[in-house]
N, C-alpha and C. Protein backbone atom coordinates (compact mmCIF):
# COMPACT_ATOMS: atom_id res chain seq x y z
N UNK A 1 -23.76 1.40 1.75
CA UNK A 1 -23.10 0.41 2.58
C UNK A 1 -24.01 -0.82 2.64
N UNK A 2 -23.42 -1.97 2.48
CA UNK A 2 -24.22 -3.19 2.47
C UNK A 2 -24.05 -3.97 3.76
N UNK A 3 -24.77 -5.07 3.84
CA UNK A 3 -24.66 -5.97 4.98
C UNK A 3 -23.26 -6.59 5.01
N UNK A 4 -22.98 -7.36 6.04
CA UNK A 4 -21.67 -7.94 6.25
C UNK A 4 -21.48 -9.26 5.51
N UNK A 5 -21.96 -9.36 4.30
CA UNK A 5 -21.82 -10.58 3.53
C UNK A 5 -20.37 -10.73 3.08
N UNK A 6 -19.98 -11.98 2.81
CA UNK A 6 -18.63 -12.23 2.32
C UNK A 6 -18.71 -12.49 0.83
N UNK A 7 -17.80 -11.91 0.10
CA UNK A 7 -17.73 -12.14 -1.33
C UNK A 7 -18.17 -10.94 -2.14
N UNK A 8 -17.57 -10.83 -3.32
CA UNK A 8 -17.81 -9.67 -4.17
C UNK A 8 -17.46 -10.04 -5.61
N UNK A 9 -18.26 -9.60 -6.59
CA UNK A 9 -17.86 -9.82 -7.99
C UNK A 9 -16.52 -9.14 -8.26
N UNK A 10 -15.79 -9.69 -9.19
CA UNK A 10 -14.39 -9.31 -9.42
C UNK A 10 -14.12 -7.82 -9.53
N UNK A 11 -14.82 -7.08 -10.36
CA UNK A 11 -14.47 -5.67 -10.56
C UNK A 11 -15.35 -4.68 -9.80
N UNK A 12 -16.26 -5.19 -9.00
CA UNK A 12 -17.21 -4.34 -8.29
C UNK A 12 -16.60 -3.84 -6.98
N UNK A 13 -16.94 -2.60 -6.62
CA UNK A 13 -16.54 -2.03 -5.34
C UNK A 13 -17.82 -1.82 -4.53
N UNK A 14 -17.95 -2.58 -3.47
CA UNK A 14 -19.07 -2.44 -2.54
C UNK A 14 -18.49 -2.56 -1.14
N UNK A 15 -18.80 -1.59 -0.31
CA UNK A 15 -18.27 -1.60 1.05
C UNK A 15 -19.29 -2.14 2.02
N UNK A 16 -18.80 -2.82 3.04
CA UNK A 16 -19.64 -3.37 4.10
C UNK A 16 -19.16 -2.84 5.44
N UNK A 17 -20.09 -2.74 6.37
CA UNK A 17 -19.71 -2.42 7.74
C UNK A 17 -18.88 -3.55 8.30
N UNK A 18 -18.00 -3.24 9.24
CA UNK A 18 -17.14 -4.26 9.84
C UNK A 18 -17.99 -5.36 10.48
N UNK A 19 -17.53 -6.58 10.34
CA UNK A 19 -18.19 -7.73 10.95
C UNK A 19 -17.18 -8.58 11.71
N UNK A 20 -17.51 -8.94 12.94
CA UNK A 20 -16.65 -9.84 13.71
C UNK A 20 -16.56 -11.22 13.06
N UNK A 21 -17.54 -11.54 12.21
CA UNK A 21 -17.52 -12.82 11.49
C UNK A 21 -16.26 -12.94 10.63
N UNK A 22 -15.74 -11.81 10.17
CA UNK A 22 -14.57 -11.85 9.30
C UNK A 22 -13.38 -12.49 10.00
N UNK A 23 -13.27 -12.32 11.31
CA UNK A 23 -12.17 -12.93 12.06
C UNK A 23 -12.30 -14.45 12.02
N UNK A 24 -13.50 -14.96 12.25
CA UNK A 24 -13.72 -16.41 12.20
C UNK A 24 -13.50 -16.96 10.80
N UNK A 25 -14.00 -16.25 9.80
CA UNK A 25 -13.80 -16.68 8.41
C UNK A 25 -12.31 -16.75 8.11
N UNK A 26 -11.56 -15.74 8.56
CA UNK A 26 -10.11 -15.76 8.37
C UNK A 26 -9.49 -16.96 9.09
N UNK A 27 -9.82 -17.17 10.36
CA UNK A 27 -9.21 -18.25 11.14
C UNK A 27 -9.50 -19.62 10.52
N UNK A 28 -10.71 -19.81 10.02
CA UNK A 28 -11.04 -21.07 9.34
C UNK A 28 -10.16 -21.26 8.11
N UNK A 29 -9.97 -20.20 7.35
CA UNK A 29 -9.15 -20.29 6.13
C UNK A 29 -7.68 -20.45 6.48
N UNK A 30 -7.24 -19.78 7.54
CA UNK A 30 -5.84 -19.91 7.97
C UNK A 30 -5.52 -21.37 8.29
N UNK A 31 -6.43 -22.04 8.96
CA UNK A 31 -6.22 -23.45 9.29
C UNK A 31 -6.07 -24.29 8.02
N UNK A 32 -6.95 -24.06 7.05
CA UNK A 32 -6.86 -24.78 5.77
C UNK A 32 -5.53 -24.50 5.07
N UNK A 33 -5.10 -23.25 5.11
CA UNK A 33 -3.84 -22.87 4.47
C UNK A 33 -2.65 -23.54 5.14
N UNK A 34 -2.64 -23.58 6.47
CA UNK A 34 -1.55 -24.26 7.18
C UNK A 34 -1.50 -25.73 6.80
N UNK A 35 -2.67 -26.37 6.76
CA UNK A 35 -2.72 -27.79 6.40
C UNK A 35 -2.24 -28.02 4.98
N UNK A 36 -2.64 -27.16 4.06
CA UNK A 36 -2.29 -27.34 2.64
C UNK A 36 -0.83 -27.00 2.36
N UNK A 37 -0.31 -25.98 3.01
CA UNK A 37 1.03 -25.49 2.69
C UNK A 37 2.12 -26.06 3.59
N UNK A 38 1.74 -26.57 4.75
CA UNK A 38 2.72 -27.14 5.66
C UNK A 38 3.84 -26.17 5.98
N UNK A 39 5.06 -26.67 5.94
CA UNK A 39 6.23 -25.87 6.30
C UNK A 39 6.62 -24.81 5.29
N UNK A 40 5.99 -24.82 4.11
CA UNK A 40 6.28 -23.76 3.13
C UNK A 40 5.86 -22.41 3.70
N UNK A 41 4.72 -22.40 4.39
CA UNK A 41 4.19 -21.15 4.97
C UNK A 41 4.84 -20.93 6.33
N UNK A 42 5.71 -19.94 6.42
CA UNK A 42 6.38 -19.63 7.68
C UNK A 42 5.49 -18.81 8.61
N UNK A 43 4.59 -18.04 8.03
CA UNK A 43 3.64 -17.25 8.81
C UNK A 43 2.45 -16.95 7.92
N UNK A 44 1.30 -16.82 8.54
CA UNK A 44 0.07 -16.46 7.84
C UNK A 44 -0.59 -15.37 8.66
N UNK A 45 -0.96 -14.26 8.00
CA UNK A 45 -1.53 -13.12 8.69
C UNK A 45 -2.79 -12.63 7.99
N UNK A 46 -3.77 -12.22 8.78
CA UNK A 46 -4.97 -11.55 8.27
C UNK A 46 -4.58 -10.10 8.03
N UNK A 47 -4.69 -9.64 6.79
CA UNK A 47 -4.32 -8.27 6.43
C UNK A 47 -5.48 -7.62 5.70
N UNK A 48 -5.28 -6.40 5.26
CA UNK A 48 -6.34 -5.69 4.56
C UNK A 48 -7.39 -5.16 5.52
N UNK A 49 -8.38 -4.50 4.97
CA UNK A 49 -9.37 -3.80 5.79
C UNK A 49 -10.20 -4.72 6.68
N UNK A 50 -10.46 -5.95 6.25
CA UNK A 50 -11.27 -6.84 7.09
C UNK A 50 -10.53 -7.26 8.36
N UNK A 51 -9.23 -6.98 8.43
CA UNK A 51 -8.44 -7.32 9.62
C UNK A 51 -8.39 -6.19 10.64
N UNK A 52 -9.07 -5.08 10.34
CA UNK A 52 -8.99 -3.89 11.20
C UNK A 52 -10.36 -3.65 11.83
N UNK A 53 -10.51 -3.95 13.12
CA UNK A 53 -11.82 -3.80 13.78
C UNK A 53 -12.40 -2.40 13.60
N UNK A 54 -13.66 -2.37 13.17
CA UNK A 54 -14.38 -1.12 13.02
C UNK A 54 -14.27 -0.47 11.65
N UNK A 55 -13.39 -0.97 10.79
CA UNK A 55 -13.18 -0.35 9.48
C UNK A 55 -14.12 -0.95 8.44
N UNK A 56 -14.77 -0.08 7.66
CA UNK A 56 -15.57 -0.57 6.54
C UNK A 56 -14.62 -1.21 5.53
N UNK A 57 -15.16 -2.15 4.77
CA UNK A 57 -14.29 -2.90 3.88
C UNK A 57 -15.07 -3.51 2.74
N UNK A 58 -14.37 -3.79 1.65
CA UNK A 58 -14.92 -4.71 0.68
C UNK A 58 -14.97 -6.04 1.41
N UNK A 59 -16.06 -6.79 1.31
CA UNK A 59 -16.20 -8.03 2.08
C UNK A 59 -15.44 -9.20 1.47
N UNK A 60 -14.14 -9.03 1.35
CA UNK A 60 -13.25 -10.06 0.83
C UNK A 60 -12.07 -10.15 1.81
N UNK A 61 -11.76 -11.36 2.25
CA UNK A 61 -10.71 -11.56 3.25
C UNK A 61 -9.34 -11.60 2.57
N UNK A 62 -8.45 -10.68 2.96
CA UNK A 62 -7.08 -10.67 2.46
C UNK A 62 -6.18 -11.39 3.45
N UNK A 63 -5.35 -12.27 2.91
CA UNK A 63 -4.46 -13.08 3.73
C UNK A 63 -3.05 -13.00 3.14
N UNK A 64 -2.07 -12.73 3.99
CA UNK A 64 -0.67 -12.73 3.58
C UNK A 64 -0.03 -14.02 4.07
N UNK A 65 0.60 -14.74 3.16
CA UNK A 65 1.31 -15.98 3.47
C UNK A 65 2.80 -15.71 3.24
N UNK A 66 3.59 -15.92 4.27
CA UNK A 66 5.03 -15.67 4.17
C UNK A 66 5.78 -16.96 3.86
N UNK A 67 6.70 -16.86 2.90
CA UNK A 67 7.59 -17.97 2.56
C UNK A 67 9.03 -17.50 2.78
N UNK A 68 9.96 -18.47 2.85
CA UNK A 68 11.35 -18.12 3.16
C UNK A 68 11.99 -17.26 2.08
N UNK A 69 11.89 -17.68 0.84
CA UNK A 69 12.48 -16.92 -0.26
C UNK A 69 11.44 -16.76 -1.37
N UNK A 70 11.66 -15.80 -2.23
CA UNK A 70 10.72 -15.54 -3.32
C UNK A 70 10.54 -16.79 -4.18
N UNK A 71 11.60 -17.57 -4.37
CA UNK A 71 11.48 -18.79 -5.19
C UNK A 71 10.53 -19.81 -4.57
N UNK A 72 10.28 -19.72 -3.27
CA UNK A 72 9.33 -20.63 -2.62
C UNK A 72 7.88 -20.33 -2.98
N UNK A 73 7.62 -19.17 -3.55
CA UNK A 73 6.25 -18.83 -3.95
C UNK A 73 5.69 -19.86 -4.92
N UNK A 74 6.55 -20.35 -5.83
CA UNK A 74 6.11 -21.36 -6.80
C UNK A 74 5.55 -22.61 -6.12
N UNK A 75 6.12 -22.97 -4.97
CA UNK A 75 5.69 -24.18 -4.28
C UNK A 75 4.27 -24.08 -3.72
N UNK A 76 3.73 -22.88 -3.68
CA UNK A 76 2.38 -22.67 -3.14
C UNK A 76 1.30 -22.81 -4.20
N UNK A 77 1.67 -22.75 -5.46
CA UNK A 77 0.66 -22.74 -6.52
C UNK A 77 -0.23 -23.98 -6.48
N UNK A 78 0.37 -25.17 -6.52
CA UNK A 78 -0.40 -26.42 -6.53
C UNK A 78 -1.32 -26.57 -5.33
N UNK A 79 -0.78 -26.44 -4.10
CA UNK A 79 -1.64 -26.58 -2.93
C UNK A 79 -2.78 -25.56 -2.87
N UNK A 80 -2.52 -24.34 -3.31
CA UNK A 80 -3.58 -23.33 -3.27
C UNK A 80 -4.65 -23.61 -4.33
N UNK A 81 -4.23 -24.09 -5.49
CA UNK A 81 -5.22 -24.47 -6.51
C UNK A 81 -6.10 -25.60 -5.98
N UNK A 82 -5.50 -26.56 -5.27
CA UNK A 82 -6.28 -27.66 -4.67
C UNK A 82 -7.29 -27.15 -3.64
N UNK A 83 -7.00 -26.02 -3.00
CA UNK A 83 -7.92 -25.42 -2.03
C UNK A 83 -9.01 -24.58 -2.70
N UNK A 84 -8.96 -24.49 -4.02
CA UNK A 84 -9.98 -23.73 -4.73
C UNK A 84 -9.57 -22.32 -5.11
N UNK A 85 -8.29 -22.01 -4.96
CA UNK A 85 -7.80 -20.69 -5.35
C UNK A 85 -7.42 -20.68 -6.83
N UNK A 86 -7.54 -19.51 -7.42
CA UNK A 86 -7.11 -19.28 -8.80
C UNK A 86 -5.83 -18.47 -8.73
N UNK A 87 -4.79 -18.97 -9.40
CA UNK A 87 -3.53 -18.23 -9.45
C UNK A 87 -3.69 -17.10 -10.45
N UNK A 88 -3.48 -15.89 -10.00
CA UNK A 88 -3.67 -14.70 -10.84
C UNK A 88 -2.29 -14.19 -11.27
N UNK A 89 -1.70 -14.92 -12.20
CA UNK A 89 -0.36 -14.59 -12.70
C UNK A 89 -0.32 -13.15 -13.18
N UNK A 90 0.61 -12.39 -12.66
CA UNK A 90 0.75 -11.00 -13.06
C UNK A 90 -0.17 -10.04 -12.33
N UNK A 91 -1.08 -10.57 -11.52
CA UNK A 91 -1.99 -9.70 -10.75
C UNK A 91 -1.32 -9.30 -9.45
N UNK A 92 -1.89 -8.35 -8.80
CA UNK A 92 -1.36 -7.92 -7.51
C UNK A 92 -0.15 -7.03 -7.68
N UNK A 93 0.67 -7.00 -6.66
CA UNK A 93 1.82 -6.10 -6.65
C UNK A 93 3.11 -6.89 -6.83
N UNK A 94 4.16 -6.20 -7.23
CA UNK A 94 5.46 -6.85 -7.39
C UNK A 94 5.93 -7.36 -6.03
N UNK A 95 6.62 -8.48 -6.07
CA UNK A 95 7.20 -9.01 -4.85
C UNK A 95 6.42 -10.15 -4.25
N UNK A 96 5.42 -10.66 -4.97
CA UNK A 96 4.65 -11.78 -4.44
C UNK A 96 3.73 -12.37 -5.48
N UNK A 97 3.06 -13.44 -5.10
CA UNK A 97 2.08 -14.10 -5.96
C UNK A 97 0.70 -13.80 -5.41
N UNK A 98 -0.28 -13.73 -6.29
CA UNK A 98 -1.64 -13.37 -5.89
C UNK A 98 -2.61 -14.47 -6.31
N UNK A 99 -3.48 -14.85 -5.37
CA UNK A 99 -4.48 -15.89 -5.61
C UNK A 99 -5.85 -15.39 -5.18
N UNK A 100 -6.88 -15.83 -5.89
CA UNK A 100 -8.26 -15.45 -5.56
C UNK A 100 -9.08 -16.72 -5.37
N UNK A 101 -9.95 -16.70 -4.37
CA UNK A 101 -10.83 -17.84 -4.12
C UNK A 101 -12.26 -17.44 -4.48
N UNK A 102 -12.95 -18.36 -5.11
CA UNK A 102 -14.32 -18.12 -5.52
C UNK A 102 -14.39 -17.77 -7.00
N UNK A 103 -15.56 -17.93 -7.59
CA UNK A 103 -15.73 -17.57 -9.00
C UNK A 103 -15.63 -16.06 -9.18
N UNK A 104 -15.45 -15.60 -10.41
CA UNK A 104 -15.35 -14.16 -10.66
C UNK A 104 -16.59 -13.42 -10.17
N UNK A 105 -17.70 -14.11 -10.09
CA UNK A 105 -18.94 -13.47 -9.63
C UNK A 105 -19.02 -13.35 -8.11
N UNK A 106 -18.10 -14.00 -7.38
CA UNK A 106 -18.15 -13.95 -5.92
C UNK A 106 -16.79 -14.31 -5.30
N UNK A 107 -15.83 -13.41 -5.44
CA UNK A 107 -14.52 -13.61 -4.83
C UNK A 107 -14.65 -13.44 -3.32
N UNK A 108 -14.17 -14.43 -2.57
CA UNK A 108 -14.31 -14.39 -1.11
C UNK A 108 -13.00 -14.15 -0.37
N UNK A 109 -11.89 -14.59 -0.94
CA UNK A 109 -10.58 -14.47 -0.30
C UNK A 109 -9.53 -14.12 -1.34
N UNK A 110 -8.56 -13.34 -0.90
CA UNK A 110 -7.34 -13.12 -1.70
C UNK A 110 -6.17 -13.55 -0.84
N UNK A 111 -5.27 -14.31 -1.43
CA UNK A 111 -4.04 -14.71 -0.74
C UNK A 111 -2.86 -14.08 -1.46
N UNK A 112 -2.02 -13.43 -0.68
CA UNK A 112 -0.80 -12.81 -1.19
C UNK A 112 0.37 -13.62 -0.64
N UNK A 113 1.09 -14.32 -1.49
CA UNK A 113 2.25 -15.10 -1.06
C UNK A 113 3.48 -14.22 -1.24
N UNK A 114 4.19 -14.00 -0.15
CA UNK A 114 5.28 -13.02 -0.13
C UNK A 114 6.47 -13.55 0.65
N UNK A 115 7.61 -12.98 0.38
CA UNK A 115 8.81 -13.34 1.11
C UNK A 115 8.74 -12.78 2.53
N UNK A 116 8.97 -13.65 3.52
CA UNK A 116 8.97 -13.21 4.91
C UNK A 116 10.01 -12.12 5.09
N UNK A 117 9.61 -11.03 5.70
CA UNK A 117 10.45 -9.86 5.95
C UNK A 117 10.81 -9.10 4.67
N UNK A 118 10.14 -9.41 3.56
CA UNK A 118 10.31 -8.63 2.34
C UNK A 118 9.47 -7.36 2.43
N UNK A 119 9.65 -6.47 1.48
CA UNK A 119 8.95 -5.19 1.50
C UNK A 119 7.44 -5.36 1.52
N UNK A 120 6.89 -6.22 0.69
CA UNK A 120 5.43 -6.38 0.64
C UNK A 120 4.89 -6.93 1.97
N UNK A 121 5.63 -7.87 2.55
CA UNK A 121 5.21 -8.43 3.84
C UNK A 121 5.14 -7.32 4.88
N UNK A 122 6.23 -6.57 4.99
CA UNK A 122 6.25 -5.47 5.95
C UNK A 122 5.15 -4.45 5.67
N UNK A 123 4.95 -4.11 4.41
CA UNK A 123 3.92 -3.12 4.08
C UNK A 123 2.54 -3.57 4.53
N UNK A 124 2.20 -4.84 4.29
CA UNK A 124 0.90 -5.34 4.74
C UNK A 124 0.75 -5.24 6.26
N UNK A 125 1.76 -5.70 6.97
CA UNK A 125 1.69 -5.74 8.44
C UNK A 125 1.73 -4.32 9.02
N UNK A 126 2.61 -3.48 8.50
CA UNK A 126 2.71 -2.11 8.99
C UNK A 126 1.41 -1.35 8.81
N UNK A 127 0.82 -1.45 7.63
CA UNK A 127 -0.43 -0.74 7.36
C UNK A 127 -1.53 -1.20 8.31
N UNK A 128 -1.68 -2.50 8.44
CA UNK A 128 -2.70 -3.05 9.34
C UNK A 128 -2.48 -2.58 10.78
N UNK A 129 -1.28 -2.74 11.27
CA UNK A 129 -1.01 -2.41 12.67
C UNK A 129 -1.15 -0.92 12.96
N UNK A 130 -0.75 -0.09 12.01
CA UNK A 130 -0.87 1.36 12.21
C UNK A 130 -2.33 1.77 12.29
N UNK A 131 -3.17 1.26 11.39
CA UNK A 131 -4.59 1.63 11.44
C UNK A 131 -5.27 1.07 12.68
N UNK A 132 -4.86 -0.09 13.14
CA UNK A 132 -5.42 -0.63 14.39
C UNK A 132 -5.08 0.28 15.58
N UNK A 133 -3.91 0.88 15.55
CA UNK A 133 -3.44 1.69 16.68
C UNK A 133 -3.81 3.17 16.58
N UNK A 134 -4.22 3.64 15.42
CA UNK A 134 -4.49 5.06 15.20
C UNK A 134 -5.88 5.26 14.61
N UNK A 135 -6.85 5.48 15.49
CA UNK A 135 -8.24 5.59 15.03
C UNK A 135 -8.46 6.76 14.08
N UNK A 136 -7.71 7.85 14.26
CA UNK A 136 -7.89 8.99 13.36
C UNK A 136 -7.46 8.63 11.94
N UNK A 137 -6.40 7.86 11.79
CA UNK A 137 -5.96 7.42 10.46
C UNK A 137 -6.97 6.44 9.88
N UNK A 138 -7.51 5.57 10.72
CA UNK A 138 -8.51 4.62 10.26
C UNK A 138 -9.75 5.36 9.76
N UNK A 139 -10.19 6.37 10.49
CA UNK A 139 -11.37 7.14 10.09
C UNK A 139 -11.12 7.89 8.77
N UNK A 140 -9.94 8.44 8.63
CA UNK A 140 -9.59 9.14 7.38
C UNK A 140 -9.60 8.15 6.21
N UNK A 141 -9.08 6.97 6.45
CA UNK A 141 -9.06 5.94 5.40
C UNK A 141 -10.48 5.52 5.04
N UNK A 142 -11.34 5.37 6.04
CA UNK A 142 -12.74 5.01 5.79
C UNK A 142 -13.42 6.06 4.92
N UNK A 143 -13.19 7.32 5.23
CA UNK A 143 -13.79 8.41 4.43
C UNK A 143 -13.31 8.35 2.98
N UNK A 144 -12.02 8.12 2.79
CA UNK A 144 -11.46 8.01 1.45
C UNK A 144 -12.09 6.84 0.70
N UNK A 145 -12.22 5.71 1.38
CA UNK A 145 -12.79 4.53 0.75
C UNK A 145 -14.24 4.78 0.31
N UNK A 146 -15.01 5.45 1.14
CA UNK A 146 -16.40 5.75 0.79
C UNK A 146 -16.45 6.64 -0.45
N UNK A 147 -15.63 7.69 -0.46
CA UNK A 147 -15.59 8.60 -1.62
C UNK A 147 -15.22 7.84 -2.90
N UNK A 148 -14.20 7.00 -2.81
CA UNK A 148 -13.75 6.27 -3.99
C UNK A 148 -14.77 5.22 -4.43
N UNK A 149 -15.43 4.57 -3.48
CA UNK A 149 -16.44 3.57 -3.83
C UNK A 149 -17.62 4.22 -4.55
N UNK A 150 -17.98 5.42 -4.12
CA UNK A 150 -19.07 6.15 -4.79
C UNK A 150 -18.65 6.59 -6.18
N UNK A 151 -17.40 6.96 -6.34
CA UNK A 151 -16.89 7.45 -7.62
C UNK A 151 -16.62 6.30 -8.61
N UNK A 152 -16.16 5.16 -8.09
CA UNK A 152 -15.76 4.03 -8.95
C UNK A 152 -16.45 2.72 -8.54
N UNK A 153 -17.78 2.64 -8.58
CA UNK A 153 -18.46 1.44 -8.11
C UNK A 153 -18.22 0.18 -8.95
N UNK A 154 -17.80 0.35 -10.19
CA UNK A 154 -17.55 -0.80 -11.06
C UNK A 154 -16.16 -0.75 -11.68
N UNK A 155 -15.24 -0.08 -11.00
CA UNK A 155 -13.88 0.07 -11.51
C UNK A 155 -12.89 -0.11 -10.36
N UNK A 156 -12.67 -1.37 -9.99
CA UNK A 156 -11.81 -1.64 -8.85
C UNK A 156 -10.38 -1.14 -9.07
N UNK A 157 -9.79 -1.26 -10.26
CA UNK A 157 -8.43 -0.71 -10.42
C UNK A 157 -8.36 0.79 -10.10
N UNK A 158 -9.35 1.57 -10.51
CA UNK A 158 -9.35 3.01 -10.20
C UNK A 158 -9.53 3.22 -8.69
N UNK A 159 -10.38 2.42 -8.07
CA UNK A 159 -10.59 2.49 -6.62
C UNK A 159 -9.26 2.22 -5.90
N UNK A 160 -8.57 1.16 -6.31
CA UNK A 160 -7.30 0.80 -5.68
C UNK A 160 -6.24 1.88 -5.90
N UNK A 161 -6.18 2.41 -7.10
CA UNK A 161 -5.22 3.48 -7.40
C UNK A 161 -5.50 4.71 -6.54
N UNK A 162 -6.78 5.01 -6.32
CA UNK A 162 -7.16 6.16 -5.51
C UNK A 162 -6.71 6.04 -4.06
N UNK A 163 -6.55 4.81 -3.57
CA UNK A 163 -6.11 4.58 -2.19
C UNK A 163 -4.59 4.53 -2.06
N UNK A 164 -3.88 4.36 -3.15
CA UNK A 164 -2.45 4.05 -3.08
C UNK A 164 -1.62 5.12 -2.39
N UNK A 165 -1.91 6.39 -2.63
CA UNK A 165 -1.14 7.45 -1.98
C UNK A 165 -1.32 7.44 -0.47
N UNK A 166 -2.55 7.24 -0.02
CA UNK A 166 -2.82 7.18 1.42
C UNK A 166 -2.09 5.99 2.04
N UNK A 167 -2.17 4.84 1.39
CA UNK A 167 -1.52 3.64 1.91
C UNK A 167 -0.02 3.85 2.03
N UNK A 168 0.60 4.42 1.00
CA UNK A 168 2.04 4.69 1.03
C UNK A 168 2.39 5.62 2.19
N UNK A 169 1.59 6.65 2.37
CA UNK A 169 1.82 7.61 3.46
C UNK A 169 1.74 6.93 4.83
N UNK A 170 0.74 6.09 5.02
CA UNK A 170 0.58 5.39 6.30
C UNK A 170 1.73 4.42 6.54
N UNK A 171 2.13 3.69 5.52
CA UNK A 171 3.25 2.75 5.68
C UNK A 171 4.52 3.50 6.07
N UNK A 172 4.76 4.65 5.47
CA UNK A 172 5.96 5.43 5.82
C UNK A 172 5.89 5.91 7.27
N UNK A 173 4.73 6.37 7.71
CA UNK A 173 4.57 6.78 9.12
C UNK A 173 4.82 5.59 10.04
N UNK A 174 4.29 4.44 9.66
CA UNK A 174 4.46 3.24 10.48
C UNK A 174 5.92 2.81 10.54
N UNK A 175 6.63 2.89 9.43
CA UNK A 175 8.06 2.53 9.43
C UNK A 175 8.83 3.36 10.45
N UNK A 176 8.51 4.64 10.51
CA UNK A 176 9.17 5.53 11.45
C UNK A 176 8.77 5.19 12.89
N UNK A 177 7.46 5.05 13.11
CA UNK A 177 6.98 4.81 14.47
C UNK A 177 7.43 3.46 15.02
N UNK A 178 7.35 2.42 14.23
CA UNK A 178 7.64 1.07 14.72
C UNK A 178 9.09 0.66 14.57
N UNK A 179 9.85 1.41 13.82
CA UNK A 179 11.27 1.13 13.62
C UNK A 179 11.52 -0.29 13.12
N UNK A 180 10.52 -0.92 12.55
CA UNK A 180 10.58 -2.23 11.91
C UNK A 180 11.07 -3.36 12.82
N UNK A 181 12.07 -3.17 13.64
CA UNK A 181 12.73 -4.27 14.34
C UNK A 181 11.80 -5.15 15.17
N UNK A 182 10.78 -4.58 15.81
CA UNK A 182 9.88 -5.38 16.63
C UNK A 182 8.50 -5.49 16.00
N UNK A 183 8.46 -5.44 14.70
CA UNK A 183 7.21 -5.36 13.95
C UNK A 183 6.20 -6.44 14.34
N UNK A 184 6.61 -7.68 14.38
CA UNK A 184 5.65 -8.75 14.61
C UNK A 184 5.21 -8.88 16.07
N UNK A 185 5.84 -8.12 16.95
CA UNK A 185 5.45 -8.14 18.36
C UNK A 185 4.42 -7.08 18.69
N UNK A 186 4.05 -6.27 17.71
CA UNK A 186 3.11 -5.17 17.96
C UNK A 186 1.73 -5.72 18.22
């Protein structure tokens, strides 16, 4: 486990203890994103492990940006490039666009541009909110992350694949518990 530094080389898996600094780093970036994207961004949320107090994480800030329709994702490319993001065409998951900030030797932020109320948007929010509310699930996730980081220290795709079943399971539990309808009020 390393210090609470921000940034990580592209394919490396290194976990850091939770840092309250991550909230400020997110808020600073959120402000820049609102200014750059204006009304295109209907909502911006801190997601991923750095958004969950107490959870170990790769020290990279994940941010979900919601747009009205999937076709609006294209409108984010130019403004995000101007902010120093690299558009990672074909990277990430289906249903959104993926951007990385920082050189390959030190990625500091990932932005996921997604359709508001689309599956990917809900999955990000549901996973975050469920782990915030269920410490036992958060602890189980932390244990899994440690095991995978030890097994795949230089193979981030394998690390991510190793987490996918757990993430799917948590999202399904959250869908049942939160009934989706009041998701953003949680």
